[in-house]
């Protein structure tokens, strides 16, 4: 490999200040889109309108960054806005004709992603449509997801293993009498790759296996956590609900139907790499053409999954940069006030929560006295013990 190629390879990770800037710009846009959708989560609002609001805001905001770059920079929606209610677990981003609406008391899970130059940031948040603090089992399932996210943030660090995180997530959920949903994966991300090779299982079982992996400095991860008051075994109920897909770039097939060829050509032009919603395609042709594309594995579907009716489900996802000075969580939103039915008493969980997210400064020496803000810096390095914090990036 030439020096020039080495340089190009190096610039693709967090050792490049330009790459870090793109991640943080994308994160800021994702957080703003999430904040905007949360603000509109009110009784009577159509789900499809919330999804459109998230996507259009990401498109508008990304259009205004890197406008004067010498080379063309791809940017926009990295994962279409999904709004899943109550026992629906994920990936609900309906077509324009759908009439689903938000109701008072609904547990609303919002999931979206943004990228700049292929550097992806994703975020998911759970909001309960009510005034005042969240109580009872709804508070339990939300607290379980939030505490699991805080523990994962502290365990996804250089030198640790992916299996350590999987085991910790089970323990946290059990502390709230909840389950971690099976089949949910946390992925390493790279430029234009939303699901790279290193993977963290939420639940280890014989059907789902991933390679053991060790986290390394300058990596980026999407930490994805779903908790449930039910069995934690989400099911596909109706394939017709699936509207989110991703082009399987390693597959090829000569499509027979004219509608399929038309839609596939549109997908290759508009969404060659990132996931997209069928709502962004011409709807009548999409209904016909997508089926053949999926049947021949040209597209990877993101199915709408459900727990049993009456089960409560929470979803939290965030993007973390494993920087030399520690873990930097760049996406997220503050939770509502939670009053779970029980506090966390387990000493191991408390120990994980007490871990810092910032790397300890190297070198010894005496502390200098009288420096303004020094105490605050130490607190940031040491992070927090006891109950987990929520993160407000608004």
Protein backbone atom coordinates (compact mmCIF):
# COMPACT_ATOMS: atom_id res chain seq x y z
CA UNK A 1 0.00 0.00 0.00
CA UNK A 2 1.38 3.41 -1.00
CA UNK A 3 1.87 6.29 1.45
CA UNK A 4 -1.01 8.06 -0.28
CA UNK A 5 -3.34 5.07 0.23
CA UNK A 6 -2.22 4.77 3.85
CA UNK A 7 -3.05 8.42 4.38
CA UNK A 8 -6.48 7.94 2.79
CA UNK A 9 -7.18 4.91 5.04
CA UNK A 10 -6.12 6.83 8.15
CA UNK A 11 -8.44 9.71 7.37
CA UNK A 12 -11.47 7.40 7.53
CA UNK A 13 -11.38 6.95 11.30
CA UNK A 14 -11.40 9.14 14.40
CA UNK A 15 -7.69 9.93 14.14
CA UNK A 16 -8.81 12.55 11.61
CA UNK A 17 -10.24 15.76 13.08
CA UNK A 18 -12.30 16.18 9.91
CA UNK A 19 -13.98 12.79 10.47
CA UNK A 20 -14.76 13.64 14.11
CA UNK A 21 -16.29 16.94 12.97
CA UNK A 22 -18.52 15.15 10.46
CA UNK A 23 -19.70 12.68 13.11
CA UNK A 24 -20.48 15.50 15.53
CA UNK A 25 -22.27 17.57 12.89
CA UNK A 26 -24.36 14.55 11.93
CA UNK A 27 -25.09 13.89 15.61
CA UNK A 28 -26.24 17.46 16.18
CA UNK A 29 -28.68 17.14 13.27
CA UNK A 30 -29.96 13.74 14.44
CA UNK A 31 -30.52 15.13 17.95
CA UNK A 32 -32.41 18.15 16.58
CA UNK A 33 -34.61 15.90 14.43
CA UNK A 34 -35.33 13.67 17.42
CA UNK A 35 -36.12 16.66 19.63
CA UNK A 36 -38.51 17.99 16.98
CA UNK A 37 -40.36 14.67 16.67
CA UNK A 38 -40.62 14.25 20.46
CA UNK A 39 -42.12 17.74 20.73
CA UNK A 40 -44.88 16.73 18.28
CA UNK A 41 -45.72 13.41 20.01
CA UNK A 42 -49.25 14.35 21.06
CA UNK A 43 -52.59 12.59 21.04
CA UNK A 44 -54.24 12.71 17.62
CA UNK A 45 -51.06 13.22 15.58
CA UNK A 46 -50.62 10.79 12.66
CA UNK A 47 -47.59 8.52 12.92
CA UNK A 48 -46.69 9.05 9.26
CA UNK A 49 -46.57 12.83 9.85
CA UNK A 50 -44.06 12.33 12.68
CA UNK A 51 -41.92 10.13 10.43
CA UNK A 52 -42.02 12.70 7.63
CA UNK A 53 -41.13 15.49 10.05
CA UNK A 54 -37.99 13.67 11.19
CA UNK A 55 -36.82 12.81 7.68
CA UNK A 56 -37.52 16.24 6.17
CA UNK A 57 -35.70 18.03 8.99
CA UNK A 58 -32.63 15.82 8.49
CA UNK A 59 -32.70 16.51 4.75
CA UNK A 60 -33.07 20.27 5.29
CA UNK A 61 -30.33 20.56 7.91
CA UNK A 62 -27.80 18.37 6.09
CA UNK A 63 -28.35 20.42 2.92
CA UNK A 64 -26.82 23.39 4.75
CA UNK A 65 -23.56 21.76 5.87
CA UNK A 66 -20.42 21.41 3.74
CA UNK A 67 -22.16 23.37 0.97
CA UNK A 68 -18.89 24.82 -0.32
CA UNK A 69 -16.76 21.69 -0.18
CA UNK A 70 -14.49 21.16 -3.20
CA UNK A 71 -15.68 17.57 -3.61
CA UNK A 72 -19.30 16.44 -3.59
CA UNK A 73 -20.23 15.17 -0.13
CA UNK A 74 -23.08 12.69 0.27
CA UNK A 75 -25.31 13.53 3.24
CA UNK A 76 -28.83 13.07 4.52
CA UNK A 77 -30.99 10.40 6.13
CA UNK A 78 -28.96 7.37 7.26
CA UNK A 79 -31.96 5.58 8.76
CA UNK A 80 -35.55 6.67 8.05
CA UNK A 81 -37.55 7.95 10.99
CA UNK A 82 -39.57 5.15 12.59
CA UNK A 83 -42.28 5.71 15.20
CA UNK A 84 -43.37 2.50 16.93
CA UNK A 85 -46.19 2.53 19.50
CA UNK A 86 -46.66 0.46 22.67
CA UNK A 87 -45.98 -3.28 22.05
CA UNK A 88 -44.65 -2.56 18.53
CA UNK A 89 -40.90 -2.89 18.97
CA UNK A 90 -39.31 -1.18 15.98
CA UNK A 91 -39.17 -0.18 12.28
CA UNK A 92 -42.71 1.20 11.92
CA UNK A 93 -42.46 3.90 9.25
CA UNK A 94 -45.78 3.65 7.40
CA UNK A 95 -46.78 4.63 3.89
CA UNK A 96 -48.50 7.98 3.31
CA UNK A 97 -51.92 6.32 3.18
CA UNK A 98 -51.62 4.88 6.72
CA UNK A 99 -54.04 6.32 9.29
CA UNK A 100 -52.30 5.27 12.55
CA UNK A 101 -52.41 7.99 15.20
CA UNK A 102 -50.78 8.59 18.56
CA UNK A 103 -53.08 8.31 21.60
CA UNK A 104 -52.78 9.61 25.16
CA UNK A 105 -50.75 7.20 27.29
CA UNK A 106 -48.94 5.64 24.33
CA UNK A 107 -45.32 4.60 24.72
CA UNK A 108 -43.71 6.04 21.59
CA UNK A 109 -40.36 4.78 20.31
CA UNK A 110 -38.60 7.10 17.84
CA UNK A 111 -35.65 5.81 15.81
CA UNK A 112 -33.70 7.75 13.16
CA UNK A 113 -30.25 8.33 11.67
CA UNK A 114 -28.24 10.98 9.85
CA UNK A 115 -24.97 10.87 7.92
CA UNK A 116 -22.48 13.35 6.53
CA UNK A 117 -20.04 11.94 3.97
CA UNK A 118 -21.08 8.46 5.05
CA UNK A 119 -20.23 9.01 8.73
CA UNK A 120 -23.40 7.77 10.39
CA UNK A 121 -24.99 8.73 13.68
CA UNK A 122 -28.14 6.99 14.92
CA UNK A 123 -30.43 7.58 17.87
CA UNK A 124 -33.58 6.08 19.39
CA UNK A 125 -35.63 7.44 22.27
CA UNK A 126 -38.79 6.45 24.14
CA UNK A 127 -41.44 8.99 25.12
CA UNK A 128 -44.68 8.43 27.05
CA UNK A 129 -47.58 10.64 25.91
CA UNK A 130 -48.61 12.02 29.29
CA UNK A 131 -48.08 14.88 31.70
CA UNK A 132 -46.06 14.39 34.88
CA UNK A 133 -43.68 11.61 35.90
CA UNK A 134 -43.82 8.13 34.36
CA UNK A 135 -44.71 5.52 37.01
CA UNK A 136 -45.38 1.79 37.40
CA UNK A 137 -44.25 -0.77 34.85
CA UNK A 138 -43.84 1.88 32.15
CA UNK A 139 -41.23 3.53 34.38
CA UNK A 140 -39.59 0.14 35.00
CA UNK A 141 -39.18 -0.70 31.32
CA UNK A 142 -37.83 2.78 30.54
CA UNK A 143 -35.47 2.74 33.51
CA UNK A 144 -34.24 -0.71 32.47
CA UNK A 145 -33.40 0.56 28.97
CA UNK A 146 -31.78 3.73 30.29
CA UNK A 147 -29.69 1.96 32.93
CA UNK A 148 -28.63 -0.68 30.39
CA UNK A 149 -27.58 2.12 28.03
CA UNK A 150 -25.53 3.80 30.76
CA UNK A 151 -23.83 0.51 31.65
CA UNK A 152 -23.10 -0.22 27.98
CA UNK A 153 -21.58 3.23 27.59
CA UNK A 154 -19.13 2.40 30.39
CA UNK A 155 -18.31 -1.13 29.17
CA UNK A 156 -17.86 -0.40 25.47
CA UNK A 157 -14.29 0.79 25.83
CA UNK A 158 -10.92 -0.26 24.45
CA UNK A 159 -9.73 -3.57 25.88
CA UNK A 160 -13.22 -4.83 26.82
CA UNK A 161 -15.02 -7.67 25.01
CA UNK A 162 -18.44 -7.65 23.35
CA UNK A 163 -19.62 -10.64 25.42
CA UNK A 164 -19.04 -8.66 28.64
CA UNK A 165 -21.63 -6.12 27.50
CA UNK A 166 -24.17 -8.81 26.55
CA UNK A 167 -24.00 -10.38 30.01
CA UNK A 168 -24.31 -7.01 31.75
CA UNK A 169 -27.43 -6.04 29.78
CA UNK A 170 -29.26 -9.18 30.97
CA UNK A 171 -28.46 -8.40 34.58
CA UNK A 172 -29.65 -4.80 34.36
CA UNK A 173 -32.99 -5.72 32.76
CA UNK A 174 -33.59 -8.44 35.36
CA UNK A 175 -33.08 -5.87 38.14
CA UNK A 176 -36.26 -4.16 36.92
CA UNK A 177 -38.14 -7.46 36.25
CA UNK A 178 -37.84 -6.80 32.52
CA UNK A 179 -36.27 -8.62 29.57
CA UNK A 180 -33.81 -7.47 26.93
CA UNK A 181 -35.42 -8.07 23.52
CA UNK A 182 -33.80 -10.85 21.50
CA UNK A 183 -32.44 -10.21 18.03
CA UNK A 184 -31.42 -6.59 18.66
CA UNK A 185 -27.79 -6.03 17.68
CA UNK A 186 -25.39 -3.19 18.44
CA UNK A 187 -22.96 -2.62 15.59
CA UNK A 188 -19.65 -1.01 14.93
CA UNK A 189 -20.06 1.64 12.21
CA UNK A 190 -17.64 2.80 9.54
CA UNK A 191 -17.87 5.24 6.65
CA UNK A 192 -20.97 4.32 4.61
CA UNK A 193 -21.36 1.14 6.72
CA UNK A 194 -24.17 1.20 9.28
CA UNK A 195 -23.56 -2.43 10.37
CA UNK A 196 -19.84 -3.26 10.32
CA UNK A 197 -18.20 -6.51 11.47
CA UNK A 198 -17.96 -6.09 15.24
CA UNK A 199 -21.31 -6.83 16.85
CA UNK A 200 -22.73 -6.84 20.39
CA UNK A 201 -25.56 -9.29 21.02
CA UNK A 202 -28.34 -8.07 23.29
CA UNK A 203 -29.21 -11.65 24.24
CA UNK A 204 -26.97 -14.65 23.67
CA UNK A 205 -28.75 -17.81 22.51
CA UNK A 206 -27.93 -20.83 20.33
CA UNK A 207 -29.77 -19.38 17.29
CA UNK A 208 -27.84 -16.10 17.25
CA UNK A 209 -24.08 -16.16 17.41
CA UNK A 210 -21.50 -13.47 16.72
CA UNK A 211 -17.71 -13.56 16.72
CA UNK A 212 -15.93 -12.57 19.90
CA UNK A 213 -14.53 -9.08 19.51
CA UNK A 214 -12.50 -6.58 21.50
CA UNK A 215 -13.25 -2.88 21.36
CA UNK A 216 -10.44 -0.63 20.13
CA UNK A 217 -9.62 3.06 20.28
CA UNK A 218 -10.98 5.21 17.41
CA UNK A 219 -13.93 2.91 16.71
CA UNK A 220 -17.56 4.04 16.47
CA UNK A 221 -20.56 2.05 17.75
CA UNK A 222 -24.33 2.23 17.59
CA UNK A 223 -25.48 0.88 20.95
CA UNK A 224 -29.04 -0.43 20.53
CA UNK A 225 -31.11 -1.53 23.51
CA UNK A 226 -34.74 -2.68 23.64
CA UNK A 227 -36.39 -3.72 26.91
CA UNK A 228 -39.78 -5.34 27.44
CA UNK A 229 -42.12 -6.24 30.29
CA UNK A 230 -43.04 -9.32 28.23
CA UNK A 231 -41.02 -12.29 27.03
CA UNK A 232 -38.51 -10.24 25.07
CA UNK A 233 -39.10 -12.33 21.93
CA UNK A 234 -40.38 -9.93 19.27
CA UNK A 235 -42.31 -11.47 16.38
CA UNK A 236 -43.14 -10.51 12.80
CA UNK A 237 -46.94 -10.43 12.52
CA UNK A 238 -47.52 -8.97 9.05
CA UNK A 239 -44.94 -8.69 6.28
CA UNK A 240 -47.06 -5.98 4.64
CA UNK A 241 -46.11 -3.61 7.47
CA UNK A 242 -42.45 -3.70 6.39
CA UNK A 243 -41.49 -0.49 4.61
CA UNK A 244 -37.82 -0.01 5.56
CA UNK A 245 -35.20 -1.68 3.37
CA UNK A 246 -31.50 -1.52 2.54
CA UNK A 247 -29.84 -2.37 -0.76
CA UNK A 248 -27.90 -5.64 -0.51
CA UNK A 249 -24.87 -4.43 -2.45
CA UNK A 250 -23.34 -7.90 -2.79
CA UNK A 251 -26.41 -9.41 -4.55
CA UNK A 252 -27.49 -9.26 -8.19
CA UNK A 253 -30.41 -10.67 -10.16
CA UNK A 254 -32.14 -9.88 -13.47
CA UNK A 255 -35.63 -8.80 -12.38
CA UNK A 256 -38.54 -10.04 -14.53
CA UNK A 257 -41.26 -7.50 -13.76
CA UNK A 258 -41.18 -4.02 -15.27
CA UNK A 259 -42.39 -2.47 -11.98
CA UNK A 260 -39.56 -4.22 -10.12
CA UNK A 261 -36.92 -2.95 -12.55
CA UNK A 262 -38.30 0.58 -12.31
CA UNK A 263 -38.28 0.57 -8.50
CA UNK A 264 -34.86 -1.07 -8.28
CA UNK A 265 -33.42 1.54 -10.62
CA UNK A 266 -34.93 4.29 -8.44
CA UNK A 267 -33.45 2.67 -5.31
CA UNK A 268 -29.99 2.40 -6.89
CA UNK A 269 -30.13 6.08 -7.83
CA UNK A 270 -31.57 7.50 -4.60
CA UNK A 271 -30.54 4.99 -1.91
CA UNK A 272 -27.54 2.95 -3.12
CA UNK A 273 -26.18 2.25 0.38
CA UNK A 274 -28.26 3.64 3.27
CA UNK A 275 -31.58 2.20 4.50
CA UNK A 276 -34.69 3.92 3.14
CA UNK A 277 -38.47 3.85 3.48
CA UNK A 278 -40.80 2.73 0.69
CA UNK A 279 -42.71 5.95 1.39
CA UNK A 280 -39.92 7.77 -0.50
CA UNK A 281 -40.70 5.75 -3.65
CA UNK A 282 -43.62 5.94 -6.05
CA UNK A 283 -46.18 4.10 -3.91
CA UNK A 284 -48.21 2.07 -6.43
CA UNK A 285 -45.15 0.71 -8.26
CA UNK A 286 -43.31 0.20 -4.97
CA UNK A 287 -45.97 -2.19 -3.68
CA UNK A 288 -45.54 -4.39 -6.76
CA UNK A 289 -41.81 -4.05 -7.34
CA UNK A 290 -40.44 -4.42 -3.82
CA UNK A 291 -41.76 -7.97 -3.43
CA UNK A 292 -39.65 -9.36 -6.28
CA UNK A 293 -36.59 -7.40 -5.09
CA UNK A 294 -36.93 -8.86 -1.58
CA UNK A 295 -37.67 -12.40 -2.84
CA UNK A 296 -34.38 -12.40 -4.75
CA UNK A 297 -32.45 -10.84 -1.82
CA UNK A 298 -31.63 -7.60 -3.62
CA UNK A 299 -33.01 -5.75 -0.62
CA UNK A 300 -32.62 -6.44 3.09
CA UNK A 301 -35.94 -5.79 4.89
CA UNK A 302 -36.18 -4.27 8.36
CA UNK A 303 -39.36 -6.02 9.59
CA UNK A 304 -41.85 -4.43 11.97
CA UNK A 305 -41.68 -6.57 15.11
CA UNK A 306 -44.13 -6.86 18.00
CA UNK A 307 -44.30 -8.13 21.55
CA UNK A 308 -47.67 -9.43 22.80
CA UNK A 309 -50.53 -6.93 23.24
CA UNK A 310 -50.29 -5.33 26.67
CA UNK A 311 -46.51 -5.73 26.89
CA UNK A 312 -44.61 -2.48 27.37
CA UNK A 313 -41.51 -1.86 25.26
CA UNK A 314 -38.77 0.80 25.51
CA UNK A 315 -36.01 1.55 23.01
CA UNK A 316 -32.83 3.55 23.51
CA UNK A 317 -30.06 3.80 20.92
CA UNK A 318 -27.03 6.06 20.84
CA UNK A 319 -23.82 6.61 18.93
CA UNK A 320 -20.52 6.51 20.83
CA UNK A 321 -17.05 7.50 19.65
CA UNK A 322 -14.20 5.62 21.36
CA UNK A 323 -11.83 8.59 21.51
CA UNK A 324 -8.31 8.52 23.00
CA UNK A 325 -9.58 10.57 25.96
CA UNK A 326 -12.57 8.30 26.59
CA UNK A 327 -16.02 7.40 25.32
CA UNK A 328 -18.00 10.24 23.77
CA UNK A 329 -21.76 9.64 23.54
CA UNK A 330 -22.87 12.04 20.81
CA UNK A 331 -26.58 11.23 20.35
CA UNK A 332 -29.47 11.01 22.79
CA UNK A 333 -32.29 12.91 24.44
CA UNK A 334 -33.28 13.53 28.07
CA UNK A 335 -35.89 11.14 29.43
CA UNK A 336 -39.03 12.18 31.25
CA UNK A 337 -38.98 11.89 35.02
CA UNK A 338 -39.17 8.20 35.95
CA UNK A 339 -40.48 6.68 39.17
CA UNK A 340 -39.73 2.95 38.81
CA UNK A 341 -41.25 0.48 41.25
CA UNK A 342 -37.83 -0.46 42.65
CA UNK A 343 -34.34 1.09 42.82
CA UNK A 344 -31.20 -0.66 41.59
CA UNK A 345 -29.66 -2.46 44.57
CA UNK A 346 -27.27 -4.85 42.84
CA UNK A 347 -23.68 -3.92 43.78
CA UNK A 348 -22.25 -5.09 40.44
CA UNK A 349 -24.63 -2.83 38.49
CA UNK A 350 -23.80 0.05 40.83
CA UNK A 351 -20.12 -0.65 40.23
CA UNK A 352 -20.57 -0.46 36.47
CA UNK A 353 -22.47 2.81 36.78
CA UNK A 354 -19.68 4.25 38.93
CA UNK A 355 -17.14 3.73 36.15
CA UNK A 356 -15.95 6.85 34.34
CA UNK A 357 -16.45 7.35 30.62
CA UNK A 358 -13.33 9.47 30.24
CA UNK A 359 -9.79 8.07 30.17
CA UNK A 360 -7.64 8.89 33.17
CA UNK A 361 -5.00 11.51 32.53
CA UNK A 362 -1.53 10.06 32.26
CA UNK A 363 1.29 11.19 34.55
CA UNK A 364 1.36 11.92 38.25
CA UNK A 365 2.42 15.06 40.01
CA UNK A 366 0.75 17.16 42.64
CA UNK A 367 -2.57 18.81 42.00
CA UNK A 368 -2.42 22.51 41.35
CA UNK A 369 -4.51 24.56 43.69
CA UNK A 370 -6.77 27.45 42.90
CA UNK A 371 -7.49 26.60 39.27
CA UNK A 372 -11.01 27.57 38.36
CA UNK A 373 -13.21 24.64 37.27
CA UNK A 374 -10.70 21.97 38.30
CA UNK A 375 -13.25 20.22 40.51
CA UNK A 376 -15.71 20.04 37.64
CA UNK A 377 -13.08 18.43 35.41
CA UNK A 378 -12.33 15.79 38.03
CA UNK A 379 -16.04 15.04 38.36
CA UNK A 380 -16.31 14.59 34.60
CA UNK A 381 -13.36 12.18 34.59
CA UNK A 382 -14.76 10.21 37.50
CA UNK A 383 -18.33 10.28 36.19
CA UNK A 384 -21.18 9.28 38.41
CA UNK A 385 -22.00 6.63 40.94
CA UNK A 386 -25.40 5.31 41.86
CA UNK A 387 -28.46 5.97 39.66
CA UNK A 388 -27.75 6.55 35.96
CA UNK A 389 -27.89 9.98 34.44
CA UNK A 390 -29.97 10.83 31.41
CA UNK A 391 -28.33 12.82 28.68
CA UNK A 392 -29.73 16.08 27.34
CA UNK A 393 -28.19 16.98 24.00
CA UNK A 394 -30.92 19.37 22.97
